[in-house]
Each structure stands twice: as structure tokens, then as C-alpha cells.
Amino acid sequence: MDRGQNRQGPVDGTALAEALRQGQLDDTSLVWREGLAQWSPLGQFREELGLGAAANPPPRLPRPPLHPPRLRKRSAAAA
């Protein structure tokens, strides 16, 4: 299934690999082939399809604080 949850296929391993490289699919995209009882995440078939290890996802950015810090006004004496 593609990102829009639309069924595609039949699709060969080469086409799956290309769709993965182009970002049309990811390791969570569901795939099925004869012999499988149910749809399964593409990431489970990387080795079988010759796709190698999954790339590490980019690091997550820290979440901003819920309330930004308040700036203190400088008193006239401190200036």
C-alpha cells in the first residue's frame, strides 16, 4: 500500500526498492506477497529484497518550551 493507503501492484522488488528510494514508500508501508497470511511492513522484507539496512532517521529536534521565558526589564539604575 502506498502512503495514501491505496493498493498497488503486482509490483516487483526492483520497483519497490525504487519507490522506497524516492520516498513514495517507507519501512511502514504495507506489502503483501503470495504465501503471506496478511499485509506486513515493508521494513520486514529489506533483506529479502536486497535493500540493506534501514537508514537512521534524522535526530529529533528538542521541543520548544510551552511558555517562552519572560525577559526582565532592566531598571534605570542598572543601565
PDB file of N, CA and C in Angstrom:
ATOM      1  N   MET A   1       0.842  -1.179   0.000  1.00  0.00           N
ATOM      2  CA  MET A   1       0.000   0.000   0.000  1.00  0.00           C
ATOM      3  C   MET A   1       0.882   1.235   0.000  1.00  0.00           C
ATOM      4  N   ASP A   2       0.460   2.238  -0.698  1.00  0.00           N
ATOM      5  CA  ASP A   2       1.241   3.466  -0.719  1.00  0.00           C
ATOM      6  C   ASP A   2       0.847   4.351   0.472  1.00  0.00           C
ATOM      7  N   ARG A   3       1.445   5.533   0.538  1.00  0.00           N
ATOM      8  CA  ARG A   3       1.175   6.416   1.680  1.00  0.00           C
ATOM      9  C   ARG A   3      -0.288   6.818   1.790  1.00  0.00           C
ATOM     10  N   GLY A   4      -1.007   6.756   0.693  1.00  0.00           N
ATOM     11  CA  GLY A   4      -2.427   7.079   0.705  1.00  0.00           C
ATOM     12  C   GLY A   4      -3.298   5.871   1.014  1.00  0.00           C
ATOM     13  N   GLN A   5      -2.668   4.770   1.427  1.00  0.00           N
ATOM     14  CA  GLN A   5      -3.358   3.517   1.745  1.00  0.00           C
ATOM     15  C   GLN A   5      -4.058   2.920   0.530  1.00  0.00           C
ATOM     16  N   ASN A   6      -3.496   3.184  -0.662  1.00  0.00           N
ATOM     17  CA  ASN A   6      -4.031   2.620  -1.893  1.00  0.00           C
ATOM     18  C   ASN A   6      -3.242   1.384  -2.275  1.00  0.00           C
ATOM     19  N   ARG A   7      -3.939   0.350  -2.665  1.00  0.00           N
ATOM     20  CA  ARG A   7      -3.269  -0.880  -3.097  1.00  0.00           C
ATOM     21  C   ARG A   7      -2.658  -0.656  -4.469  1.00  0.00           C
ATOM     22  N   GLN A   8      -1.457  -1.142  -4.646  1.00  0.00           N
ATOM     23  CA  GLN A   8      -0.736  -1.053  -5.912  1.00  0.00           C
ATOM     24  C   GLN A   8      -0.245  -2.455  -6.253  1.00  0.00           C
ATOM     25  N   GLY A   9      -0.119  -2.751  -7.530  1.00  0.00           N
ATOM     26  CA  GLY A   9       0.546  -3.996  -7.853  1.00  0.00           C
ATOM     27  C   GLY A   9      -0.252  -4.895  -8.762  1.00  0.00           C
ATOM     28  N   PRO A  10       0.377  -5.992  -9.093  1.00  0.00           N
ATOM     29  CA  PRO A  10       1.626  -6.505  -8.512  1.00  0.00           C
ATOM     30  C   PRO A  10       2.832  -5.638  -8.882  1.00  0.00           C
ATOM     31  N   VAL A  11       3.786  -5.590  -7.957  1.00  0.00           N
ATOM     32  CA  VAL A  11       4.992  -4.781  -8.115  1.00  0.00           C
ATOM     33  C   VAL A  11       6.186  -5.670  -7.801  1.00  0.00           C
ATOM     34  N   ASP A  12       7.206  -5.627  -8.650  1.00  0.00           N
ATOM     35  CA  ASP A  12       8.385  -6.456  -8.387  1.00  0.00           C
ATOM     36  C   ASP A  12       9.313  -5.761  -7.386  1.00  0.00           C
ATOM     37  N   GLY A  13      10.287  -6.504  -6.912  1.00  0.00           N
ATOM     38  CA  GLY A  13      11.216  -5.994  -5.904  1.00  0.00           C
ATOM     39  C   GLY A  13      11.984  -4.764  -6.351  1.00  0.00           C
ATOM     40  N   THR A  14      12.351  -4.704  -7.627  1.00  0.00           N
ATOM     41  CA  THR A  14      13.083  -3.550  -8.148  1.00  0.00           C
ATOM     42  C   THR A  14      12.230  -2.284  -8.063  1.00  0.00           C
ATOM     43  N   ALA A  15      10.949  -2.406  -8.421  1.00  0.00           N
ATOM     44  CA  ALA A  15      10.047  -1.250  -8.353  1.00  0.00           C
ATOM     45  C   ALA A  15       9.815  -0.824  -6.901  1.00  0.00           C
ATOM     46  N   LEU A  16       9.724  -1.796  -5.979  1.00  0.00           N
ATOM     47  CA  LEU A  16       9.575  -1.462  -4.562  1.00  0.00           C
ATOM     48  C   LEU A  16      10.796  -0.703  -4.056  1.00  0.00           C
ATOM     49  N   ALA A  17      11.982  -1.192  -4.423  1.00  0.00           N
ATOM     50  CA  ALA A  17      13.220  -0.543  -3.994  1.00  0.00           C
ATOM     51  C   ALA A  17      13.283   0.894  -4.511  1.00  0.00           C
ATOM     52  N   GLU A  18      12.892   1.105  -5.763  1.00  0.00           N
ATOM     53  CA  GLU A  18      12.919   2.450  -6.349  1.00  0.00           C
ATOM     54  C   GLU A  18      11.905   3.359  -5.653  1.00  0.00           C
ATOM     55  N   ALA A  19      10.703   2.858  -5.385  1.00  0.00           N
ATOM     56  CA  ALA A  19       9.691   3.654  -4.687  1.00  0.00           C
ATOM     57  C   ALA A  19      10.160   4.019  -3.286  1.00  0.00           C
ATOM     58  N   LEU A  20      10.880   3.118  -2.640  1.00  0.00           N
ATOM     59  CA  LEU A  20      11.437   3.384  -1.312  1.00  0.00           C
ATOM     60  C   LEU A  20      12.497   4.479  -1.398  1.00  0.00           C
ATOM     61  N   ARG A  21      13.393   4.378  -2.377  1.00  0.00           N
ATOM     62  CA  ARG A  21      14.442   5.393  -2.550  1.00  0.00           C
ATOM     63  C   ARG A  21      13.860   6.772  -2.855  1.00  0.00           C
ATOM     64  N   GLN A  22      12.755   6.815  -3.592  1.00  0.00           N
ATOM     65  CA  GLN A  22      12.132   8.080  -3.971  1.00  0.00           C
ATOM     66  C   GLN A  22      11.220   8.641  -2.877  1.00  0.00           C
ATOM     67  N   GLY A  23      11.061   7.903  -1.790  1.00  0.00           N
ATOM     68  CA  GLY A  23      10.234   8.384  -0.692  1.00  0.00           C
ATOM     69  C   GLY A  23       8.749   8.145  -0.890  1.00  0.00           C
ATOM     70  N   GLN A  24       8.377   7.379  -1.912  1.00  0.00           N
ATOM     71  CA  GLN A  24       6.965   7.066  -2.135  1.00  0.00           C
ATOM     72  C   GLN A  24       6.479   6.016  -1.145  1.00  0.00           C
ATOM     73  N   LEU A  25       7.406   5.203  -0.645  1.00  0.00           N
ATOM     74  CA  LEU A  25       7.140   4.185   0.360  1.00  0.00           C
ATOM     75  C   LEU A  25       8.149   4.364   1.480  1.00  0.00           C
ATOM     76  N   ASP A  26       7.839   3.812   2.642  1.00  0.00           N
ATOM     77  CA  ASP A  26       8.824   3.765   3.717  1.00  0.00           C
ATOM     78  C   ASP A  26       8.714   2.400   4.401  1.00  0.00           C
ATOM     79  N   ASP A  27       9.493   2.182   5.435  1.00  0.00           N
ATOM     80  CA  ASP A  27       9.506   0.873   6.091  1.00  0.00           C
ATOM     81  C   ASP A  27       8.173   0.501   6.724  1.00  0.00           C
ATOM     82  N   THR A  28       7.286   1.468   6.918  1.00  0.00           N
ATOM     83  CA  THR A  28       5.981   1.163   7.500  1.00  0.00           C
ATOM     84  C   THR A  28       4.918   0.887   6.443  1.00  0.00           C
ATOM     85  N   SER A  29       5.250   1.093   5.167  1.00  0.00           N
ATOM     86  CA  SER A  29       4.298   0.811   4.083  1.00  0.00           C
ATOM     87  C   SER A  29       3.980  -0.683   4.086  1.00  0.00           C
ATOM     88  N   LEU A  30       2.713  -1.003   3.945  1.00  0.00           N
ATOM     89  CA  LEU A  30       2.305  -2.406   3.997  1.00  0.00           C
ATOM     90  C   LEU A  30       2.470  -3.069   2.634  1.00  0.00           C
ATOM     91  N   VAL A  31       3.025  -4.285   2.650  1.00  0.00           N
ATOM     92  CA  VAL A  31       3.219  -5.070   1.435  1.00  0.00           C
ATOM     93  C   VAL A  31       2.666  -6.472   1.658  1.00  0.00           C
ATOM     94  N   TRP A  32       2.369  -7.128   0.558  1.00  0.00           N
ATOM     95  CA  TRP A  32       1.868  -8.496   0.616  1.00  0.00           C
ATOM     96  C   TRP A  32       2.397  -9.245  -0.582  1.00  0.00           C
ATOM     97  N   ARG A  33       2.646 -10.514  -0.380  1.00  0.00           N
ATOM     98  CA  ARG A  33       3.009 -11.386  -1.491  1.00  0.00           C
ATOM     99  C   ARG A  33       2.395 -12.747  -1.227  1.00  0.00           C
ATOM    100  N   GLU A  34       2.336 -13.537  -2.260  1.00  0.00           N
ATOM    101  CA  GLU A  34       1.794 -14.881  -2.118  1.00  0.00           C
ATOM    102  C   GLU A  34       2.551 -15.608  -1.011  1.00  0.00           C
ATOM    103  N   GLY A  35       1.813 -16.294  -0.182  1.00  0.00           N
ATOM    104  CA  GLY A  35       2.421 -17.027   0.925  1.00  0.00           C
ATOM    105  C   GLY A  35       2.310 -16.304   2.262  1.00  0.00           C
ATOM    106  N   LEU A  36       1.990 -15.003   2.228  1.00  0.00           N
ATOM    107  CA  LEU A  36       1.816 -14.252   3.473  1.00  0.00           C
ATOM    108  C   LEU A  36       0.351 -14.321   3.901  1.00  0.00           C
ATOM    109  N   ALA A  37       0.132 -14.458   5.206  1.00  0.00           N
ATOM    110  CA  ALA A  37      -1.234 -14.503   5.727  1.00  0.00           C
ATOM    111  C   ALA A  37      -1.862 -13.118   5.756  1.00  0.00           C
ATOM    112  N   GLN A  38      -1.028 -12.088   5.901  1.00  0.00           N
ATOM    113  CA  GLN A  38      -1.559 -10.729   5.997  1.00  0.00           C
ATOM    114  C   GLN A  38      -0.537  -9.727   5.473  1.00  0.00           C
ATOM    115  N   TRP A  39      -0.977  -8.482   5.287  1.00  0.00           N
ATOM    116  CA  TRP A  39      -0.097  -7.397   4.870  1.00  0.00           C
ATOM    117  C   TRP A  39       0.894  -7.136   5.997  1.00  0.00           C
ATOM    118  N   SER A  40       2.126  -6.847   5.641  1.00  0.00           N
ATOM    119  CA  SER A  40       3.189  -6.633   6.629  1.00  0.00           C
ATOM    120  C   SER A  40       4.019  -5.417   6.245  1.00  0.00           C
ATOM    121  N   PRO A  41       4.686  -4.780   7.232  1.00  0.00           N
ATOM    122  CA  PRO A  41       5.512  -3.608   6.926  1.00  0.00           C
ATOM    123  C   PRO A  41       6.674  -3.957   5.997  1.00  0.00           C
ATOM    124  N   LEU A  42       6.907  -3.099   5.036  1.00  0.00           N
ATOM    125  CA  LEU A  42       7.986  -3.293   4.065  1.00  0.00           C
ATOM    126  C   LEU A  42       9.327  -3.512   4.757  1.00  0.00           C
ATOM    127  N   GLY A  43       9.567  -2.850   5.872  1.00  0.00           N
ATOM    128  CA  GLY A  43      10.838  -2.973   6.584  1.00  0.00           C
ATOM    129  C   GLY A  43      11.186  -4.406   6.956  1.00  0.00           C
ATOM    130  N   GLN A  44      10.191  -5.275   7.094  1.00  0.00           N
ATOM    131  CA  GLN A  44      10.446  -6.675   7.429  1.00  0.00           C
ATOM    132  C   GLN A  44      11.056  -7.448   6.260  1.00  0.00           C
ATOM    133  N   PHE A  45      11.018  -6.874   5.070  1.00  0.00           N
ATOM    134  CA  PHE A  45      11.477  -7.579   3.873  1.00  0.00           C
ATOM    135  C   PHE A  45      12.714  -6.947   3.243  1.00  0.00           C
ATOM    136  N   ARG A  46      13.371  -6.042   3.965  1.00  0.00           N
ATOM    137  CA  ARG A  46      14.546  -5.353   3.408  1.00  0.00           C
ATOM    138  C   ARG A  46      15.608  -6.342   2.936  1.00  0.00           C
ATOM    139  N   GLU A  47      15.943  -7.304   3.776  1.00  0.00           N
ATOM    140  CA  GLU A  47      16.990  -8.259   3.406  1.00  0.00           C
ATOM    141  C   GLU A  47      16.553  -9.101   2.208  1.00  0.00           C
ATOM    142  N   GLU A  48      15.332  -9.601   2.240  1.00  0.00           N
ATOM    143  CA  GLU A  48      14.798 -10.420   1.148  1.00  0.00           C
ATOM    144  C   GLU A  48      14.817  -9.673  -0.180  1.00  0.00           C
ATOM    145  N   LEU A  49      14.559  -8.365  -0.130  1.00  0.00           N
ATOM    146  CA  LEU A  49      14.520  -7.550  -1.351  1.00  0.00           C
ATOM    147  C   LEU A  49      15.883  -6.961  -1.700  1.00  0.00           C
ATOM    148  N   GLY A  50      16.901  -7.228  -0.887  1.00  0.00           N
ATOM    149  CA  GLY A  50      18.237  -6.703  -1.150  1.00  0.00           C
ATOM    150  C   GLY A  50      18.344  -5.213  -0.917  1.00  0.00           C
ATOM    151  N   LEU A  51      17.562  -4.681   0.033  1.00  0.00           N
ATOM    152  CA  LEU A  51      17.538  -3.247   0.276  1.00  0.00           C
ATOM    153  C   LEU A  51      18.546  -2.797   1.325  1.00  0.00           C
ATOM    154  N   GLY A  52      19.173  -3.730   2.018  1.00  0.00           N
ATOM    155  CA  GLY A  52      20.130  -3.354   3.048  1.00  0.00           C
ATOM    156  C   GLY A  52      19.428  -2.834   4.290  1.00  0.00           C
ATOM    157  N   ALA A  53      20.224  -2.370   5.222  1.00  0.00           N
ATOM    158  CA  ALA A  53      19.685  -1.870   6.484  1.00  0.00           C
ATOM    159  C   ALA A  53      18.964  -0.545   6.271  1.00  0.00           C
ATOM    160  N   ALA A  54      17.989  -0.300   7.116  1.00  0.00           N
ATOM    161  CA  ALA A  54      17.254   0.963   7.057  1.00  0.00           C
ATOM    162  C   ALA A  54      18.168   2.108   7.448  1.00  0.00           C
ATOM    163  N   ALA A  55      17.986   3.228   6.791  1.00  0.00           N
ATOM    164  CA  ALA A  55      18.743   4.424   7.149  1.00  0.00           C
ATOM    165  C   ALA A  55      18.260   4.926   8.498  1.00  0.00           C
ATOM    166  N   ASN A  56      19.182   5.462   9.273  1.00  0.00           N
ATOM    167  CA  ASN A  56      18.790   6.025  10.556  1.00  0.00           C
ATOM    168  C   ASN A  56      17.955   7.272  10.314  1.00  0.00           C
ATOM    169  N   PRO A  57      16.852   7.399  11.052  1.00  0.00           N
ATOM    170  CA  PRO A  57      16.048   8.611  10.880  1.00  0.00           C
ATOM    171  C   PRO A  57      16.808   9.820  11.394  1.00  0.00           C
ATOM    172  N   PRO A  58      16.519  11.002  10.884  1.00  0.00           N
ATOM    173  CA  PRO A  58      17.219  12.184  11.370  1.00  0.00           C
ATOM    174  C   PRO A  58      16.905  12.394  12.846  1.00  0.00           C
ATOM    175  N   PRO A  59      17.848  12.986  13.586  1.00  0.00           N
ATOM    176  CA  PRO A  59      17.590  13.191  15.015  1.00  0.00           C
ATOM    177  C   PRO A  59      16.418  14.142  15.211  1.00  0.00           C
ATOM    178  N   ARG A  60      15.682  13.904  16.282  1.00  0.00           N
ATOM    179  CA  ARG A  60      14.546  14.771  16.595  1.00  0.00           C
ATOM    180  C   ARG A  60      15.051  16.060  17.221  1.00  0.00           C
ATOM    181  N   LEU A  61      14.430  17.154  16.839  1.00  0.00           N
ATOM    182  CA  LEU A  61      14.773  18.440  17.421  1.00  0.00           C
ATOM    183  C   LEU A  61      14.107  18.551  18.785  1.00  0.00           C
ATOM    184  N   PRO A  62      14.754  19.229  19.725  1.00  0.00           N
ATOM    185  CA  PRO A  62      14.113  19.381  21.032  1.00  0.00           C
ATOM    186  C   PRO A  62      12.830  20.197  20.906  1.00  0.00           C
ATOM    187  N   ARG A  63      11.869  19.857  21.740  1.00  0.00           N
ATOM    188  CA  ARG A  63      10.597  20.587  21.723  1.00  0.00           C
ATOM    189  C   ARG A  63      10.783  21.943  22.374  1.00  0.00           C
ATOM    190  N   PRO A  64      10.160  22.973  21.820  1.00  0.00           N
ATOM    191  CA  PRO A  64      10.268  24.290  22.448  1.00  0.00           C
ATOM    192  C   PRO A  64       9.493  24.288  23.766  1.00  0.00           C
ATOM    193  N   PRO A  65       9.870  25.154  24.695  1.00  0.00           N
ATOM    194  CA  PRO A  65       9.139  25.197  25.965  1.00  0.00           C
ATOM    195  C   PRO A  65       7.687  25.620  25.720  1.00  0.00           C
ATOM    196  N   LEU A  66       6.808  25.175  26.619  1.00  0.00           N
ATOM    197  CA  LEU A  66       5.404  25.535  26.474  1.00  0.00           C
ATOM    198  C   LEU A  66       5.196  27.034  26.611  1.00  0.00           C
ATOM    199  N   HIS A  67       5.926  27.636  27.519  1.00  0.00           N
ATOM    200  CA  HIS A  67       5.836  29.075  27.733  1.00  0.00           C
ATOM    201  C   HIS A  67       7.233  29.646  27.569  1.00  0.00           C
ATOM    202  N   PRO A  68       7.437  30.529  26.621  1.00  0.00           N
ATOM    203  CA  PRO A  68       8.780  31.090  26.437  1.00  0.00           C
ATOM    204  C   PRO A  68       9.195  31.874  27.686  1.00  0.00           C
ATOM    205  N   PRO A  69      10.490  31.890  27.967  1.00  0.00           N
ATOM    206  CA  PRO A  69      10.945  32.634  29.146  1.00  0.00           C
ATOM    207  C   PRO A  69      10.620  34.116  29.004  1.00  0.00           C
ATOM    208  N   ARG A  70      10.297  34.722  30.111  1.00  0.00           N
ATOM    209  CA  ARG A  70       9.995  36.158  30.112  1.00  0.00           C
ATOM    210  C   ARG A  70      11.279  36.940  30.277  1.00  0.00           C
ATOM    211  N   LEU A  71      11.376  37.992  29.527  1.00  0.00           N
ATOM    212  CA  LEU A  71      12.545  38.857  29.637  1.00  0.00           C
ATOM    213  C   LEU A  71      12.296  39.871  30.746  1.00  0.00           C
ATOM    214  N   ARG A  72      13.317  40.055  31.545  1.00  0.00           N
ATOM    215  CA  ARG A  72      13.208  41.039  32.630  1.00  0.00           C
ATOM    216  C   ARG A  72      13.561  42.413  32.105  1.00  0.00           C
ATOM    217  N   LYS A  73      12.808  43.377  32.511  1.00  0.00           N
ATOM    218  CA  LYS A  73      13.112  44.758  32.135  1.00  0.00           C
ATOM    219  C   LYS A  73      14.228  45.238  33.029  1.00  0.00           C
ATOM    220  N   ARG A  74      15.161  45.918  32.437  1.00  0.00           N
ATOM    221  CA  ARG A  74      16.270  46.472  33.222  1.00  0.00           C
ATOM    222  C   ARG A  74      15.794  47.751  33.895  1.00  0.00           C
ATOM    223  N   SER A  75      16.187  47.893  35.112  1.00  0.00           N
ATOM    224  CA  SER A  75      15.820  49.132  35.801  1.00  0.00           C
ATOM    225  C   SER A  75      16.725  50.230  35.334  1.00  0.00           C
ATOM    226  N   ALA A  76      16.305  51.463  35.503  1.00  0.00           N
ATOM    227  CA  ALA A  76      17.090  52.634  35.080  1.00  0.00           C
ATOM    228  C   ALA A  76      18.410  52.688  35.808  1.00  0.00           C
ATOM    229  N   ALA A  77      18.471  52.228  37.057  1.00  0.00           N
ATOM    230  CA  ALA A  77      19.703  52.251  37.843  1.00  0.00           C
ATOM    231  C   ALA A  77      20.738  51.274  37.290  1.00  0.00           C
ATOM    232  N   ALA A  78      20.281  50.141  36.716  1.00  0.00           N
ATOM    233  CA  ALA A  78      21.195  49.122  36.203  1.00  0.00           C
ATOM    234  C   ALA A  78      21.737  49.485  34.843  1.00  0.00           C
ATOM    235  N   ALA A  79      21.127  50.424  34.162  1.00  0.00           N
ATOM    236  CA  ALA A  79      21.517  50.772  32.795  1.00  0.00           C
ATOM    237  C   ALA A  79      22.676  51.665  32.774  1.00  0.00           C
TER     238      ALA A  79
END
